[in-house]
C-alpha cells in the first residue's frame, strides 16, 4: 500500500493538509486537453474543409492520400490509397499519429496529463490513488520511451508546415481569379506563420532536443559549437511549458481558420 494508505504514514484522517485549490490547475488542464482531443478527433474524421488555396490545415499536412484535393497534395504526390479495406481514410489519419505521439510523450505534457488524467500524483503533496507506483516501467506508460523518435518525426513535420506557411505568401492575381502569384500577405499567411513558428519553438525547447544537442557530451571544451548551441537550447528549454500551450492553441486556431475559409464562413483578407 502507498500514499494515504501507507502503514508508515502519520495517523491523520485527512487525505491532504493542503487548504488551497490544488485541484484547479489539473482540472483546467483536463478541460483544455480533452477539448482539444475531441476537436482534433472530429476534424480527423471529417476529411473535408482542410484546404482553401493557398492555405492548408496543419492537421492535414502533408496531404498524402489520393483523396486529397489536387492543390493540397505534397508536390502532387499521393502514395496512400483513398480507401483501406473499403474504409474511406481521412488524409489526417495518415499523419496525425506523429505530431500527436510527440505531444503526448512530451516531458511537460506527461506532467500535465499525469496529474489530470492518471492522478500520479494529482498535485504536489496530494496522495495518488494508485496502490503501487511503477513509473514508466510498465504498459502503457513505458511507451513514453518512444518520445525521442517522435521528436525526430516532429522536426520533419515542422519543415512541411513551414513550407505551407511560405506557400501562404501566394494570392490571386486579381479578385475572384483562381490563378495564384507570389508576393501577397493575408490573414491566413499570418496564422500559418504564427503556428509554424510556435511549433518550432515547442520542438527546439524540448528536453530531448537539449539532450540530443549536448546531453551526452563528456567534455564541452572539445565541442565548442555544440556547447554554444546547447546553451541556446537550454534558454529555450525554460520556456517549454509556454511553447507547449501556445503552439497547441495556434495549431488548433490555424485549423479552425482554414476550415472556416474553406466553408466560406470567413473571408481570407489580404493586406497586399
Protein backbone atom coordinates (compact mmCIF):
# COMPACT_ATOMS: atom_id res chain seq x y z
CA UNK A 1 0.00 0.00 0.00
CA UNK A 2 1.16 3.52 -0.67
CA UNK A 3 0.05 7.14 -0.43
CA UNK A 4 -2.61 7.84 2.19
CA UNK A 5 -2.98 4.11 2.77
CA UNK A 6 0.68 3.53 3.64
CA UNK A 7 1.17 1.97 7.11
CA UNK A 8 4.10 4.33 7.72
CA UNK A 9 2.03 7.47 7.11
CA UNK A 10 1.13 9.70 10.05
CA UNK A 11 -2.21 8.70 11.55
CA UNK A 12 -4.33 11.61 10.32
CA UNK A 13 -7.70 11.26 8.68
CA UNK A 14 -7.23 13.96 6.02
CA UNK A 15 -6.08 12.83 2.58
CA UNK A 16 -4.06 16.05 2.32
CA UNK A 17 -3.36 19.04 4.56
CA UNK A 18 -3.38 21.44 1.62
CA UNK A 19 -6.07 24.07 2.01
CA UNK A 20 -5.57 25.83 -1.33
CA UNK A 21 -7.47 24.98 -4.52
CA UNK A 22 -4.83 22.49 -5.65
CA UNK A 23 -7.35 20.73 -7.87
CA UNK A 24 -7.94 23.81 -10.05
CA UNK A 25 -4.83 23.50 -12.24
CA UNK A 26 -5.27 19.80 -13.09
CA UNK A 27 -8.99 20.43 -13.71
CA UNK A 28 -8.21 23.23 -16.20
CA UNK A 29 -5.54 21.07 -17.84
CA UNK A 30 -8.02 18.23 -18.20
CA UNK A 31 -10.64 20.53 -19.70
CA UNK A 32 -8.29 22.08 -22.26
CA UNK A 33 -6.62 18.83 -23.33
CA UNK A 34 -9.88 16.90 -23.50
CA UNK A 35 -11.50 19.65 -25.56
CA UNK A 36 -8.55 19.59 -27.96
CA UNK A 37 -8.75 15.79 -28.27
CA UNK A 38 -12.48 15.97 -29.07
CA UNK A 39 -12.00 18.69 -31.68
CA UNK A 40 -8.96 17.02 -33.28
CA UNK A 41 -10.82 13.70 -33.47
CA UNK A 42 -13.79 15.38 -35.15
CA UNK A 43 -11.53 17.11 -37.67
CA UNK A 44 -9.51 14.00 -38.37
CA UNK A 45 -12.62 12.03 -39.31
CA UNK A 46 -14.35 14.90 -41.09
CA UNK A 47 -11.96 14.60 -44.02
CA UNK A 48 -13.14 17.84 -45.60
CA UNK A 49 -12.74 21.63 -45.46
CA UNK A 50 -8.98 21.50 -44.89
CA UNK A 51 -7.78 23.34 -47.99
CA UNK A 52 -8.52 26.83 -49.30
CA UNK A 53 -5.75 27.65 -51.75
CA UNK A 54 -3.09 28.54 -50.79
CA UNK A 55 -3.94 27.60 -47.19
CA UNK A 56 -3.89 24.06 -45.83
CA UNK A 57 -4.76 22.96 -42.30
CA UNK A 58 -1.81 21.74 -40.16
CA UNK A 59 -3.98 18.73 -39.23
CA UNK A 60 -3.84 17.58 -42.86
CA UNK A 61 -0.30 18.46 -43.86
CA UNK A 62 1.44 16.81 -45.61
CA UNK A 63 -1.59 15.58 -47.54
CA UNK A 64 -0.50 12.18 -48.85
CA UNK A 65 -3.82 10.49 -49.64
CA UNK A 66 -5.23 10.01 -53.12
CA UNK A 67 -8.40 11.53 -51.64
CA UNK A 68 -6.60 14.85 -51.10
CA UNK A 69 -7.67 17.84 -53.12
CA UNK A 70 -5.32 18.31 -56.05
CA UNK A 71 -3.72 21.52 -54.83
CA UNK A 72 -3.30 20.16 -51.31
CA UNK A 73 -1.12 17.20 -52.29
CA UNK A 74 2.58 17.36 -51.44
CA UNK A 75 4.17 18.20 -54.82
CA UNK A 76 1.27 16.30 -56.40
CA UNK A 77 2.44 13.11 -54.66
CA UNK A 78 -0.29 10.86 -53.21
CA UNK A 79 1.12 7.41 -52.29
CA UNK A 80 -1.69 6.33 -49.93
CA UNK A 81 -4.97 4.90 -51.29
CA UNK A 82 -8.16 6.81 -50.56
CA UNK A 83 -9.68 3.67 -49.01
CA UNK A 84 -8.23 0.85 -46.93
CA UNK A 85 -10.31 -2.32 -46.54
CA UNK A 86 -13.22 -0.39 -48.11
CA UNK A 87 -12.99 2.23 -45.35
CA UNK A 88 -12.67 5.84 -46.56
CA UNK A 89 -9.45 7.05 -44.99
CA UNK A 90 -9.29 10.69 -43.99
CA UNK A 91 -5.93 12.23 -45.06
CA UNK A 92 -5.45 13.47 -41.49
CA UNK A 93 -5.46 9.94 -40.07
CA UNK A 94 -2.35 9.11 -42.07
CA UNK A 95 -0.11 11.67 -40.38
CA UNK A 96 -1.69 12.78 -37.09
CA UNK A 97 -0.14 9.88 -35.14
CA UNK A 98 3.28 11.54 -35.40
CA UNK A 99 2.55 15.05 -34.04
CA UNK A 100 0.11 13.53 -31.54
CA UNK A 101 2.71 10.99 -30.42
CA UNK A 102 5.31 13.74 -29.99
CA UNK A 103 2.98 15.87 -27.90
CA UNK A 104 1.57 13.04 -25.79
CA UNK A 105 5.05 11.73 -24.88
CA UNK A 106 6.43 15.23 -24.25
CA UNK A 107 8.03 15.64 -20.82
CA UNK A 108 5.91 18.66 -19.97
CA UNK A 109 2.66 17.07 -21.12
CA UNK A 110 3.48 13.96 -19.13
CA UNK A 111 3.38 16.10 -16.00
CA UNK A 112 0.20 17.80 -17.21
CA UNK A 113 -1.84 14.73 -18.03
CA UNK A 114 -0.34 12.53 -15.32
CA UNK A 115 -1.86 14.98 -12.86
CA UNK A 116 -5.10 15.50 -14.75
CA UNK A 117 -5.86 12.02 -16.12
CA UNK A 118 -3.56 9.48 -14.45
CA UNK A 119 -3.52 11.12 -10.97
CA UNK A 120 0.11 10.24 -10.44
CA UNK A 121 0.05 12.40 -8.37
CA UNK A 122 -2.81 14.90 -8.89
CA UNK A 123 -0.76 17.67 -7.22
CA UNK A 124 2.30 18.18 -5.04
CA UNK A 125 1.76 16.78 -1.54
CA UNK A 126 -1.54 15.21 -2.64
CA UNK A 127 -1.55 11.43 -2.50
CA UNK A 128 -2.25 9.46 -5.66
CA UNK A 129 -4.97 6.80 -5.70
CA UNK A 130 -2.70 4.05 -7.04
CA UNK A 131 -1.70 1.40 -4.55
CA UNK A 132 1.62 0.77 -6.28
CA UNK A 133 3.92 3.12 -8.16
CA UNK A 134 5.64 1.64 -11.21
CA UNK A 135 6.54 4.84 -13.04
CA UNK A 136 7.17 4.31 -16.73
CA UNK A 137 8.38 0.72 -16.43
CA UNK A 138 5.10 -0.92 -17.42
CA UNK A 139 2.49 -0.60 -20.16
CA UNK A 140 1.04 1.75 -21.12
CA UNK A 141 3.43 4.37 -19.72
CA UNK A 142 6.52 2.52 -20.91
CA UNK A 143 5.55 3.72 -24.40
CA UNK A 144 6.75 7.17 -23.32
CA UNK A 145 10.25 5.99 -24.23
CA UNK A 146 9.31 6.49 -27.87
CA UNK A 147 9.46 10.26 -27.33
CA UNK A 148 12.89 10.65 -28.93
CA UNK A 149 11.69 9.13 -32.21
CA UNK A 150 8.50 11.18 -32.22
CA UNK A 151 10.71 14.25 -31.68
CA UNK A 152 12.67 13.50 -34.86
CA UNK A 153 9.42 12.93 -36.78
CA UNK A 154 8.10 16.22 -35.37
CA UNK A 155 11.06 18.11 -36.84
CA UNK A 156 10.20 16.72 -40.28
CA UNK A 157 6.60 17.81 -39.92
CA UNK A 158 7.75 21.27 -38.85
CA UNK A 159 9.54 21.56 -42.20
CA UNK A 160 6.31 20.71 -44.04
CA UNK A 161 4.32 23.24 -42.01
CA UNK A 162 6.95 25.91 -42.63
CA UNK A 163 6.68 25.14 -46.35
CA UNK A 164 2.89 25.59 -46.06
CA UNK A 165 3.44 28.97 -44.41
CA UNK A 166 5.72 30.02 -47.28
CA UNK A 167 3.09 28.95 -49.83
CA UNK A 168 0.62 31.19 -47.97
CA UNK A 169 2.50 34.18 -49.41
CA UNK A 170 0.69 33.44 -52.66
CA UNK A 171 -2.54 35.13 -53.62
CA UNK A 172 -4.88 35.58 -56.59
CA UNK A 173 -3.59 37.88 -59.33
CA UNK A 174 -6.90 39.68 -59.10
CA UNK A 175 -10.07 39.35 -57.05
CA UNK A 176 -12.01 36.22 -57.97
CA UNK A 177 -9.17 34.73 -60.01
CA UNK A 178 -8.00 31.15 -59.45
CA UNK A 179 -4.51 31.96 -60.72
CA UNK A 180 -2.06 32.46 -57.87
CA UNK A 181 1.09 34.58 -57.76
CA UNK A 182 3.77 35.27 -55.16
CA UNK A 183 4.15 38.44 -53.16
CA UNK A 184 0.89 38.55 -51.21
CA UNK A 185 0.23 38.58 -47.48
CA UNK A 186 -3.11 37.65 -45.93
CA UNK A 187 -4.57 36.92 -42.52
CA UNK A 188 -4.10 33.24 -43.37
CA UNK A 189 -0.40 33.87 -44.03
CA UNK A 190 -0.09 35.37 -40.56
CA UNK A 191 -2.00 32.48 -38.97
CA UNK A 192 0.15 29.77 -40.58
CA UNK A 193 3.37 31.68 -39.89
CA UNK A 194 2.48 32.00 -36.21
CA UNK A 195 1.52 28.34 -35.97
CA UNK A 196 4.72 27.05 -37.60
CA UNK A 197 6.94 29.45 -35.60
CA UNK A 198 5.45 28.36 -32.28
CA UNK A 199 5.78 24.71 -33.28
CA UNK A 200 9.49 25.27 -33.94
CA UNK A 201 9.74 26.93 -30.53
CA UNK A 202 7.98 23.95 -28.95
CA UNK A 203 10.29 21.46 -30.67
CA UNK A 204 13.55 23.34 -30.08
CA UNK A 205 12.73 23.94 -26.41
CA UNK A 206 12.07 20.21 -25.94
CA UNK A 207 14.10 18.35 -23.30
CA UNK A 208 15.02 15.73 -25.90
CA UNK A 209 16.36 18.44 -28.21
CA UNK A 210 18.55 19.78 -25.41
CA UNK A 211 19.83 16.30 -24.61
CA UNK A 212 20.44 15.47 -28.28
CA UNK A 213 22.48 18.63 -28.80
CA UNK A 214 24.71 18.39 -25.73
CA UNK A 215 23.42 16.00 -23.12
CA UNK A 216 25.75 13.12 -23.99
CA UNK A 217 28.97 15.10 -24.20
CA UNK A 218 31.64 14.44 -21.59
CA UNK A 219 33.77 17.50 -22.36
CA UNK A 220 32.14 20.67 -23.61
CA UNK A 221 35.59 22.17 -24.25
CA UNK A 222 36.13 19.62 -27.03
CA UNK A 223 32.87 20.59 -28.72
CA UNK A 224 32.61 24.42 -28.63
CA UNK A 225 29.93 24.67 -31.33
CA UNK A 226 27.66 22.09 -29.71
CA UNK A 227 28.23 23.73 -26.33
CA UNK A 228 27.18 27.12 -27.72
CA UNK A 229 24.12 25.54 -29.29
CA UNK A 230 23.34 23.69 -26.06
CA UNK A 231 23.37 26.97 -24.09
CA UNK A 232 20.87 28.50 -26.54
CA UNK A 233 18.60 25.45 -26.39
CA UNK A 234 18.84 25.50 -22.59
CA UNK A 235 17.42 29.04 -22.54
CA UNK A 236 14.54 27.94 -24.75
CA UNK A 237 14.02 24.90 -22.54
CA UNK A 238 12.97 27.11 -19.63
CA UNK A 239 10.03 28.28 -21.79
CA UNK A 240 8.95 24.80 -22.89
CA UNK A 241 5.67 24.92 -20.93
CA UNK A 242 4.68 28.21 -22.54
CA UNK A 243 5.58 26.96 -26.02
CA UNK A 244 3.59 23.77 -25.38
CA UNK A 245 0.34 25.62 -24.68
CA UNK A 246 0.84 28.44 -27.19
CA UNK A 247 1.66 26.02 -30.02
CA UNK A 248 -1.35 23.86 -29.14
CA UNK A 249 -3.64 26.89 -29.31
CA UNK A 250 -2.01 28.17 -32.52
CA UNK A 251 -2.34 24.83 -34.33
CA UNK A 252 -5.98 24.48 -33.29
CA UNK A 253 -6.78 28.02 -34.41
CA UNK A 254 -4.93 27.52 -37.71
CA UNK A 255 -7.13 24.52 -38.43
CA UNK A 256 -10.27 26.41 -37.40
CA UNK A 257 -9.28 29.35 -39.60
CA UNK A 258 -8.61 27.22 -42.69
CA UNK A 259 -11.84 25.30 -42.14
CA UNK A 260 -13.88 28.49 -41.88
CA UNK A 261 -12.29 29.90 -45.02
CA UNK A 262 -12.82 26.60 -46.87
CA UNK A 263 -16.52 26.56 -45.96
CA UNK A 264 -16.93 30.19 -46.99
CA UNK A 265 -17.89 31.30 -43.49
CA UNK A 266 -14.82 33.56 -43.25
CA UNK A 267 -13.02 35.60 -45.88
CA UNK A 268 -9.23 35.42 -46.03
CA UNK A 269 -8.48 39.14 -46.22
CA UNK A 270 -5.27 40.22 -47.95
CA UNK A 271 -3.12 43.07 -46.66
CA UNK A 272 -1.42 43.32 -50.04
